Amino acid sequence: MPFTANRQFKKAPRLFSSAEGMHYTTVDGRKVIDGSAGLWCVNAGHGRKQIAAAVERQLMTLDFAPTFQMGHPLAFDFAERLAEIAPKGLDRVFFTNSGSESVDTALKIALAYHRATGQSSRTRLIGRERGYHGVGFGGTSVGGMVANRRAFATLLPGVDHIRHTHDLTRNAFAKDQPEHGAELADDLERLVALHGAETIAAVIVEPVPGSTAVLPPPKGYLQRLREICDKHGILLIFDEVITGFGRLGTPFAANFFGVTPDLMTTAKGITNGTIPCGAVFASRKVHDGMMVGPESQMELFHGYTYSAHPTACAAGIATLDIYKDEGLLTRGASIAEYWRDALHSLKGLPNVVDIRNCGLMGAVELAPRDGVVGARGYDVMVDCFNTGLYLRMSGDSFAMSPPLIVEKSHIDQMVSILGDAIKKVA
């Protein structure tokens, strides 16, 4: 099982058998509220018949079409629909099948762009500590979660990392964006001085890291990072696999923070988690910079068998229809304040050392037990599951981000169950 302590799990399995709306149903018939939108992906809630019907129609019409030297109309229709909601200027789309593939694709595009524009010395990739960018060798290399990296002896060479922004000494219990830490973006200048700007191809960051339990960027941080990248000719990549498609109350985090990257990775909510799919958005600068050489020459030697799979495109278009018809890409803005206040009501409970929020993302961090990091968090997670709440555990932190159809009563229930579990386990 992926990212699971297999022996521990199989002694007491936690199994879901069905889902609808805001809830899962376990194999023994209990209702469990979905506090994390599956894995940050079920943005429109579970069991959307409109998506299922679109998938069924597509499978009976065109189940597969090759996209190497061939194509099918739905891929172009889907790309146009995505471009309509993308941050202004990011209207070129390359389809993948997951967030991990989107990240590796974006990194390869960045390298290929510099080579095509005569800057082949730009081969270095810069990630950030505590970042998560999937499980490919590229994403693992630029990622900054220690456990993900130390399990594998070989990672990509020519990779470095800037400092993370998580600062409990200055920003504990900050609401929305922390006040302190914009200057941490200047750590990129340190790496420029160390390696030389002419060697650096791209910097990749999550606007709001999710897998390390929701780390909102300090005010001004992303703007500063954008300025430094522009100054040195470095491409800026936003990993929006989690933050994309309404998670912050705007279509993308780039809209929320008013910072537009050169490349943007997406997946998860692009099909409401129903069919594996991802997409990399590129600026015209990047796209046009690669359209060089003879027309018969491939501009990007890259792709996947299932890039723009017809069924995934059908699911994606149906998902975008739901987002549009129900206003889900911006609905989070109307409930974000209630979400923030509910989460922060847990301040003062035993061992709670921080609470963080941004849009409809939130996290509660507990102090670890002496010498056993993650043990307290695991016990709280299991207690929540047993009493009706699913949430994501990251060490001794809990990341929550419910489907965008969430109501205030659901938030009250989630916070109540988590609070009781913290008091019981602590």
Protein backbone atom coordinates (compact mmCIF):
# COMPACT_ATOMS: atom_id res chain seq x y z
CA MET A 1 0.00 0.00 0.00
CA PRO A 2 1.32 3.48 -0.85
CA PHE A 3 2.66 5.77 1.88
CA THR A 4 1.35 3.33 4.51
CA ALA A 5 2.87 1.38 7.37
CA ASN A 6 1.63 -1.88 5.84
CA ARG A 7 2.09 -4.18 8.83
CA GLN A 8 0.47 -1.69 11.18
CA PHE A 9 -2.46 -1.09 8.82
CA LYS A 10 -3.24 -4.74 8.19
CA LYS A 11 -3.63 -5.40 11.92
CA ALA A 12 -6.57 -2.95 11.98
CA PRO A 13 -7.62 -1.97 8.42
CA ARG A 14 -9.54 1.23 7.73
CA LEU A 15 -11.63 0.54 4.63
CA PHE A 16 -14.13 2.68 2.71
CA SER A 17 -16.76 1.00 0.57
CA SER A 18 -18.72 3.91 -0.91
CA ALA A 19 -18.99 7.69 -0.89
CA GLU A 20 -21.54 10.41 -1.60
CA GLY A 21 -21.45 14.16 -1.12
CA MET A 22 -19.38 15.01 1.95
CA HIS A 23 -19.19 11.49 3.37
CA TYR A 24 -17.51 8.12 2.99
CA THR A 25 -19.15 4.91 4.16
CA THR A 26 -16.95 2.26 5.76
CA VAL A 27 -17.24 -1.46 5.11
CA ASP A 28 -19.12 -1.80 8.40
CA GLY A 29 -21.64 0.88 7.41
CA ARG A 30 -20.40 3.91 9.37
CA LYS A 31 -20.56 7.42 7.88
CA VAL A 32 -17.23 9.29 7.93
CA ILE A 33 -17.07 12.95 6.95
CA ASP A 34 -14.40 13.68 4.38
CA GLY A 35 -12.21 16.35 5.95
CA SER A 36 -9.52 16.28 3.25
CA ALA A 37 -11.42 15.95 -0.04
CA GLY A 38 -10.01 12.47 -0.46
CA LEU A 39 -6.38 13.34 -1.13
CA TRP A 40 -7.05 17.02 -1.83
CA CYS A 41 -8.82 16.03 -5.05
CA VAL A 42 -12.59 15.56 -4.59
CA ASN A 43 -13.34 19.27 -4.83
CA ALA A 44 -16.97 18.92 -5.93
CA GLY A 45 -17.84 16.18 -3.46
CA HIS A 46 -18.33 12.48 -4.03
CA GLY A 47 -20.64 10.60 -6.36
CA ARG A 48 -21.20 13.26 -9.04
CA LYS A 49 -23.43 11.49 -11.56
CA GLN A 50 -22.69 14.08 -14.25
CA ILE A 51 -19.06 13.00 -14.35
CA ALA A 52 -19.92 9.30 -14.29
CA ALA A 53 -22.32 9.75 -17.22
CA ALA A 54 -19.69 11.63 -19.23
CA VAL A 55 -17.16 8.85 -18.62
CA GLU A 56 -19.64 6.16 -19.67
CA ARG A 57 -20.54 8.00 -22.89
CA GLN A 58 -16.90 8.50 -23.76
CA LEU A 59 -15.94 4.89 -23.17
CA MET A 60 -18.68 3.81 -25.56
CA THR A 61 -17.66 6.41 -28.17
CA LEU A 62 -13.86 6.56 -28.17
CA ASP A 63 -12.20 4.54 -25.42
CA PHE A 64 -8.63 5.40 -26.41
CA ALA A 65 -6.85 7.44 -29.05
CA PRO A 66 -3.07 7.73 -29.56
CA THR A 67 -1.71 11.20 -29.05
CA PHE A 68 1.72 10.61 -30.59
CA GLN A 69 1.43 12.02 -34.12
CA MET A 70 -2.38 11.74 -33.78
CA GLY A 71 -5.04 13.41 -31.71
CA HIS A 72 -8.73 13.67 -30.82
CA PRO A 73 -10.96 16.76 -30.51
CA LEU A 74 -11.72 16.36 -26.79
CA ALA A 75 -8.09 17.05 -25.86
CA PHE A 76 -8.24 20.44 -27.56
CA ASP A 77 -11.69 21.21 -26.16
CA PHE A 78 -10.48 20.41 -22.64
CA ALA A 79 -7.33 22.51 -23.08
CA GLU A 80 -9.41 25.49 -24.23
CA ARG A 81 -11.71 25.17 -21.25
CA LEU A 82 -8.74 25.04 -18.87
CA ALA A 83 -7.14 28.07 -20.52
CA GLU A 84 -10.34 30.03 -19.90
CA ILE A 85 -9.98 29.72 -16.11
CA ALA A 86 -6.18 29.77 -15.91
CA PRO A 87 -4.24 32.79 -14.63
CA LYS A 88 -3.84 35.28 -17.44
CA GLY A 89 -0.97 34.31 -19.72
CA LEU A 90 -0.85 30.61 -18.80
CA ASP A 91 -2.86 29.33 -21.75
CA ARG A 92 -0.68 26.57 -23.24
CA VAL A 93 -1.49 23.11 -21.82
CA PHE A 94 0.34 19.77 -21.76
CA PHE A 95 -1.61 16.80 -20.37
CA THR A 96 -0.26 14.23 -17.93
CA ASN A 97 -1.82 11.60 -15.68
CA SER A 98 -0.87 12.70 -12.16
CA GLY A 99 0.73 15.41 -10.11
CA SER A 100 4.03 13.55 -10.10
CA GLU A 101 4.01 13.41 -13.90
CA SER A 102 3.04 17.08 -14.07
CA VAL A 103 6.04 18.05 -11.95
CA ASP A 104 8.53 15.97 -13.94
CA THR A 105 7.00 17.35 -17.13
CA ALA A 106 7.35 20.96 -15.97
CA LEU A 107 10.98 20.39 -14.96
CA LYS A 108 11.74 18.89 -18.37
CA ILE A 109 9.97 21.74 -20.15
CA ALA A 110 12.07 24.23 -18.19
CA LEU A 111 15.29 22.48 -19.23
CA ALA A 112 14.13 22.16 -22.84
CA TYR A 113 13.12 25.83 -22.97
CA HIS A 114 16.54 27.06 -21.92
CA ARG A 115 18.25 24.74 -24.39
CA ALA A 116 15.96 25.91 -27.21
CA THR A 117 16.67 29.56 -26.39
CA GLY A 118 20.43 29.15 -26.37
CA GLN A 119 20.92 28.93 -22.60
CA SER A 120 21.95 25.30 -22.32
CA SER A 121 24.11 26.05 -19.27
CA ARG A 122 20.90 26.45 -17.25
CA THR A 123 20.50 22.90 -15.95
CA ARG A 124 20.21 23.38 -12.19
CA LEU A 125 16.80 22.93 -10.53
CA ILE A 126 15.93 24.57 -7.22
CA GLY A 127 13.31 23.25 -4.81
CA ARG A 128 12.45 24.21 -1.26
CA GLU A 129 12.83 22.49 2.08
CA ARG A 130 9.60 20.83 3.27
CA GLY A 131 8.23 20.88 -0.27
CA TYR A 132 6.45 17.93 -1.84
CA HIS A 133 6.43 17.51 -5.60
CA GLY A 134 5.36 13.93 -6.15
CA VAL A 135 7.28 10.70 -6.36
CA GLY A 136 9.12 10.74 -9.70
CA PHE A 137 12.88 11.09 -9.55
CA GLY A 138 12.55 14.72 -10.58
CA GLY A 139 9.86 15.54 -8.05
CA THR A 140 11.59 13.62 -5.27
CA SER A 141 14.85 15.42 -6.02
CA VAL A 142 13.42 18.95 -5.90
CA GLY A 143 11.15 17.96 -3.02
CA GLY A 144 12.27 18.80 0.48
CA MET A 145 10.56 16.22 2.70
CA VAL A 146 13.40 14.33 4.32
CA ALA A 147 11.65 10.96 4.62
CA ASN A 148 10.79 10.99 0.92
CA ARG A 149 14.41 11.63 -0.03
CA ARG A 150 16.46 9.49 2.35
CA ALA A 151 14.70 6.24 1.37
CA PHE A 152 16.39 6.35 -2.04
CA ALA A 153 20.14 6.36 -2.53
CA THR A 154 20.14 8.11 -5.92
CA LEU A 155 18.48 11.41 -6.80
CA LEU A 156 19.02 13.85 -9.65
CA PRO A 157 22.31 15.76 -9.56
CA GLY A 158 22.42 19.53 -9.88
CA VAL A 159 19.55 20.17 -7.45
CA ASP A 160 19.56 22.56 -4.50
CA HIS A 161 17.00 23.91 -2.04
CA ILE A 162 16.02 27.22 -0.53
CA ARG A 163 14.87 27.44 3.07
CA HIS A 164 11.30 26.65 4.11
CA THR A 165 9.03 29.29 5.66
CA HIS A 166 7.64 27.42 8.67
CA ASP A 167 8.60 29.54 11.70
CA LEU A 168 6.84 28.72 14.96
CA THR A 169 8.93 31.20 16.93
CA ARG A 170 7.45 34.18 15.05
CA ASN A 171 4.31 32.94 13.32
CA ALA A 172 2.62 30.38 15.58
CA PHE A 173 -1.19 30.58 15.39
CA ALA A 174 -1.04 33.13 12.58
CA LYS A 175 -4.35 33.57 10.80
CA ASP A 176 -4.16 33.40 7.01
CA GLN A 177 -0.72 34.56 5.80
CA PRO A 178 1.99 34.99 8.45
CA GLU A 179 3.37 38.49 8.96
CA HIS A 180 7.01 37.44 9.15
CA GLY A 181 9.28 35.75 6.64
CA ALA A 182 9.12 37.51 3.26
CA GLU A 183 12.88 37.87 3.47
CA LEU A 184 13.26 34.08 3.30
CA ALA A 185 12.76 34.39 -0.46
CA ASP A 186 16.17 36.05 -0.53
CA ASP A 187 17.69 32.64 0.13
CA LEU A 188 17.45 32.20 -3.63
CA GLU A 189 20.03 34.99 -3.97
CA ARG A 190 22.38 32.86 -1.87
CA LEU A 191 22.09 30.01 -4.35
CA VAL A 192 22.53 32.38 -7.28
CA ALA A 193 25.76 33.62 -5.70
CA LEU A 194 26.87 30.05 -5.02
CA HIS A 195 26.08 28.46 -8.38
CA GLY A 196 25.74 31.38 -10.78
CA ALA A 197 22.44 32.50 -12.28
CA GLU A 198 23.55 31.20 -15.66
CA THR A 199 23.37 27.62 -14.30
CA ILE A 200 19.86 27.77 -12.81
CA ALA A 201 16.92 26.71 -14.98
CA ALA A 202 13.96 26.92 -12.61
CA VAL A 203 12.69 27.25 -9.07
CA ILE A 204 9.69 25.15 -8.06
CA VAL A 205 7.54 25.83 -4.99
CA GLU A 206 4.06 25.05 -3.78
CA PRO A 207 2.30 28.37 -3.17
CA VAL A 208 0.90 26.71 -0.04
CA PRO A 209 2.66 23.44 0.81
CA GLY A 210 0.00 20.88 1.66
CA SER A 211 1.71 17.57 2.35
CA THR A 212 3.78 19.11 5.13
CA ALA A 213 0.53 20.27 6.72
CA VAL A 214 -0.45 23.61 5.17
CA LEU A 215 2.31 26.21 5.34
CA PRO A 216 0.86 29.53 4.08
CA PRO A 217 3.53 31.81 2.56
CA PRO A 218 4.48 34.90 4.55
CA LYS A 219 3.06 38.14 3.21
CA GLY A 220 5.13 39.33 0.26
CA TYR A 221 7.15 36.11 0.01
CA LEU A 222 5.88 34.86 -3.35
CA GLN A 223 6.04 38.35 -4.86
CA ARG A 224 9.67 38.60 -3.78
CA LEU A 225 10.46 35.19 -5.22
CA ARG A 226 8.94 36.23 -8.54
CA GLU A 227 11.07 39.38 -8.61
CA ILE A 228 14.29 37.48 -7.95
CA CYS A 229 13.51 34.94 -10.68
CA ASP A 230 12.82 37.75 -13.16
CA LYS A 231 16.02 39.50 -12.17
CA HIS A 232 18.14 36.45 -12.95
CA GLY A 233 16.22 34.92 -15.87
CA ILE A 234 15.08 31.92 -13.84
CA LEU A 235 11.75 30.25 -14.58
CA LEU A 236 9.30 30.12 -11.68
CA ILE A 237 7.16 26.99 -11.38
CA PHE A 238 4.13 26.84 -9.08
CA ASP A 239 3.13 23.35 -8.03
CA GLU A 240 -0.64 23.77 -7.80
CA VAL A 241 -1.53 20.10 -7.72
CA ILE A 242 -3.20 20.75 -4.34
CA THR A 243 -4.06 24.46 -4.48
CA GLY A 244 -5.54 24.39 -7.97
CA PHE A 245 -9.26 24.37 -8.79
CA GLY A 246 -10.80 26.42 -6.01
CA ARG A 247 -8.90 25.29 -2.94
CA LEU A 248 -8.19 28.88 -1.82
CA GLY A 249 -11.45 30.44 -3.00
CA THR A 250 -9.97 31.40 -6.37
CA PRO A 251 -9.42 29.16 -9.40
CA PHE A 252 -5.71 28.89 -8.61
CA ALA A 253 -3.32 30.07 -5.91
CA ALA A 254 -1.66 32.26 -8.53
CA ASN A 255 -4.93 34.25 -8.61
CA PHE A 256 -5.17 34.32 -4.83
CA PHE A 257 -1.67 35.70 -4.29
CA GLY A 258 -1.51 37.82 -7.45
CA VAL A 259 1.69 36.14 -8.65
CA THR A 260 1.87 34.43 -12.04
CA PRO A 261 4.51 31.73 -12.58
CA ASP A 262 6.03 30.69 -15.90
CA LEU A 263 4.83 27.11 -15.50
CA MET A 264 2.08 25.68 -13.30
CA THR A 265 1.51 22.03 -12.45
CA THR A 266 -1.97 20.65 -11.74
CA ALA A 267 -3.80 17.34 -11.23
CA LYS A 268 -6.12 16.11 -8.42
CA GLY A 269 -9.16 18.41 -8.70
CA ILE A 270 -8.89 18.60 -12.50
CA THR A 271 -11.27 15.60 -12.75
CA ASN A 272 -12.64 15.73 -9.19
CA GLY A 273 -10.42 12.73 -8.44
CA THR A 274 -12.43 10.42 -10.70
CA ILE A 275 -9.99 9.60 -13.51
CA PRO A 276 -6.20 10.06 -13.26
CA CYS A 277 -5.28 13.27 -15.09
CA GLY A 278 -2.94 16.22 -14.78
CA ALA A 279 -1.96 19.25 -16.78
CA VAL A 280 1.00 21.60 -17.00
CA PHE A 281 0.16 25.19 -17.88
CA ALA A 282 2.85 27.19 -19.67
CA SER A 283 3.23 30.85 -20.54
CA ARG A 284 3.43 31.99 -24.13
CA LYS A 285 7.07 32.92 -23.46
CA VAL A 286 7.93 29.34 -22.62
CA HIS A 287 5.77 27.81 -25.34
CA ASP A 288 6.88 30.13 -28.12
CA GLY A 289 10.51 29.85 -27.06
CA MET A 290 10.38 26.16 -27.87
CA MET A 291 8.71 26.53 -31.27
CA VAL A 292 12.02 26.69 -33.16
CA GLY A 293 13.73 24.66 -35.86
CA PRO A 294 12.10 22.90 -38.82
CA GLU A 295 8.32 22.39 -38.57
CA SER A 296 8.84 18.65 -39.02
CA GLN A 297 10.95 18.53 -35.85
CA MET A 298 9.42 17.58 -32.50
CA GLU A 299 9.64 20.57 -30.19
CA LEU A 300 9.31 18.53 -26.96
CA PHE A 301 10.57 14.96 -26.81
CA HIS A 302 8.23 13.99 -24.02
CA GLY A 303 4.80 12.50 -23.39
CA TYR A 304 2.83 9.61 -21.97
CA THR A 305 0.71 6.85 -23.48
CA TYR A 306 -2.27 8.24 -21.61
CA SER A 307 -1.63 11.97 -22.13
CA ALA A 308 -5.03 13.53 -22.84
CA HIS A 309 -6.78 10.17 -22.51
CA PRO A 310 -10.29 10.62 -23.99
CA THR A 311 -12.02 9.39 -20.85
CA ALA A 312 -9.96 11.68 -18.63
CA CYS A 313 -10.79 14.62 -20.90
CA ALA A 314 -14.49 13.78 -20.73
CA ALA A 315 -14.33 13.57 -16.94
CA GLY A 316 -12.40 16.85 -16.82
CA ILE A 317 -14.86 18.76 -18.98
CA ALA A 318 -17.79 17.46 -16.91
CA THR A 319 -15.93 18.52 -13.76
CA LEU A 320 -15.34 22.02 -15.14
CA ASP A 321 -19.06 22.23 -15.96
CA ILE A 322 -19.91 21.47 -12.33
CA TYR A 323 -17.37 23.98 -11.05
CA LYS A 324 -18.85 26.65 -13.31
CA ASP A 325 -22.53 25.87 -12.74
CA GLU A 326 -22.16 25.73 -8.95
CA GLY A 327 -19.58 28.49 -8.59
CA LEU A 328 -17.23 26.12 -6.76
CA LEU A 329 -13.97 27.72 -7.92
CA THR A 330 -14.77 30.78 -5.84
CA ARG A 331 -17.18 29.39 -3.23
CA GLY A 332 -14.39 28.84 -0.72
CA ALA A 333 -13.94 32.59 -0.33
CA SER A 334 -17.42 32.90 1.20
CA ILE A 335 -16.76 30.31 3.89
CA ALA A 336 -13.01 30.77 4.50
CA GLU A 337 -13.48 33.08 7.49
CA TYR A 338 -15.81 30.63 9.22
CA TRP A 339 -13.32 27.84 8.49
CA ARG A 340 -10.46 29.92 9.92
CA ASP A 341 -12.29 30.80 13.13
CA ALA A 342 -13.48 27.23 13.68
CA LEU A 343 -9.97 25.82 13.35
CA HIS A 344 -8.45 28.44 15.63
CA SER A 345 -11.03 27.62 18.30
CA LEU A 346 -8.87 24.55 19.03
CA LYS A 347 -6.06 26.79 20.36
CA GLY A 348 -5.37 25.96 23.99
CA LEU A 349 -6.12 22.26 23.77
CA PRO A 350 -3.43 19.92 25.16
CA ASN A 351 -0.23 19.81 23.08
CA VAL A 352 -1.56 22.06 20.29
CA VAL A 353 1.47 24.13 19.26
CA ASP A 354 0.19 25.73 16.06
CA ILE A 355 -2.88 26.22 13.89
CA ARG A 356 -2.61 27.40 10.28
CA ASN A 357 -5.12 28.28 7.58
CA CYS A 358 -5.35 29.68 4.08
CA GLY A 359 -8.53 29.63 2.02
CA LEU A 360 -10.17 26.25 2.68
CA MET A 361 -6.89 24.67 3.74
CA GLY A 362 -6.01 24.26 7.38
CA ALA A 363 -3.75 22.38 9.77
CA VAL A 364 -3.42 21.71 13.47
CA GLU A 365 0.04 20.82 14.77
CA LEU A 366 0.69 18.91 17.99
CA ALA A 367 3.88 18.59 20.00
CA PRO A 368 5.39 15.13 19.44
CA ARG A 369 5.79 12.61 22.20
CA ASP A 370 9.32 12.35 23.52
CA GLY A 371 11.41 10.39 21.04
CA VAL A 372 8.44 9.14 19.00
CA VAL A 373 7.57 11.63 16.27
CA GLY A 374 4.19 10.89 14.72
CA ALA A 375 2.88 8.57 17.42
CA ARG A 376 0.53 11.13 18.94
CA GLY A 377 -0.62 12.19 15.50
CA TYR A 378 -1.37 8.60 14.49
CA ASP A 379 -3.45 7.97 17.59
CA VAL A 380 -5.47 11.13 17.00
CA MET A 381 -6.01 10.20 13.35
CA VAL A 382 -7.30 6.74 14.26
CA ASP A 383 -9.59 8.13 16.95
CA CYS A 384 -11.02 10.61 14.44
CA PHE A 385 -11.67 7.81 11.93
CA ASN A 386 -13.39 5.71 14.58
CA THR A 387 -15.66 8.61 15.56
CA GLY A 388 -16.50 9.78 12.03
CA LEU A 389 -13.82 12.05 10.54
CA TYR A 390 -11.23 11.37 7.86
CA LEU A 391 -8.25 13.75 7.77
CA ARG A 392 -4.66 13.69 6.53
CA MET A 393 -1.94 13.04 9.06
CA SER A 394 1.56 14.41 8.50
CA GLY A 395 3.73 13.46 11.44
CA ASP A 396 2.03 15.12 14.40
CA SER A 397 0.09 17.56 12.25
CA PHE A 398 -3.32 17.20 10.67
CA ALA A 399 -4.05 18.72 7.28
CA MET A 400 -7.66 19.37 6.39
CA SER A 401 -9.29 20.76 3.29
CA PRO A 402 -12.84 19.54 2.71
CA PRO A 403 -14.72 19.36 -0.58
CA LEU A 404 -15.78 22.80 -1.78
CA ILE A 405 -19.44 21.91 -1.18
CA VAL A 406 -18.79 21.98 2.58
CA GLU A 407 -21.38 23.69 4.80
CA LYS A 408 -20.84 25.35 8.16
CA SER A 409 -22.47 22.40 9.93
CA HIS A 410 -19.86 20.09 8.39
CA ILE A 411 -17.06 22.35 9.62
CA ASP A 412 -18.54 22.35 13.12
CA GLN A 413 -18.68 18.56 13.10
CA MET A 414 -15.10 18.21 11.83
CA VAL A 415 -13.65 20.58 14.43
CA SER A 416 -15.66 18.98 17.23
CA ILE A 417 -14.47 15.47 16.40
CA LEU A 418 -10.84 16.59 16.06
CA GLY A 419 -10.98 18.56 19.30
CA ASP A 420 -12.41 15.61 21.23
CA ALA A 421 -9.74 13.30 19.78
CA ILE A 422 -6.94 15.67 20.76
CA LYS A 423 -8.24 15.88 24.33
CA LYS A 424 -8.73 12.13 24.56
CA VAL A 425 -5.34 11.11 23.13
CA ALA A 426 -3.23 13.87 24.67
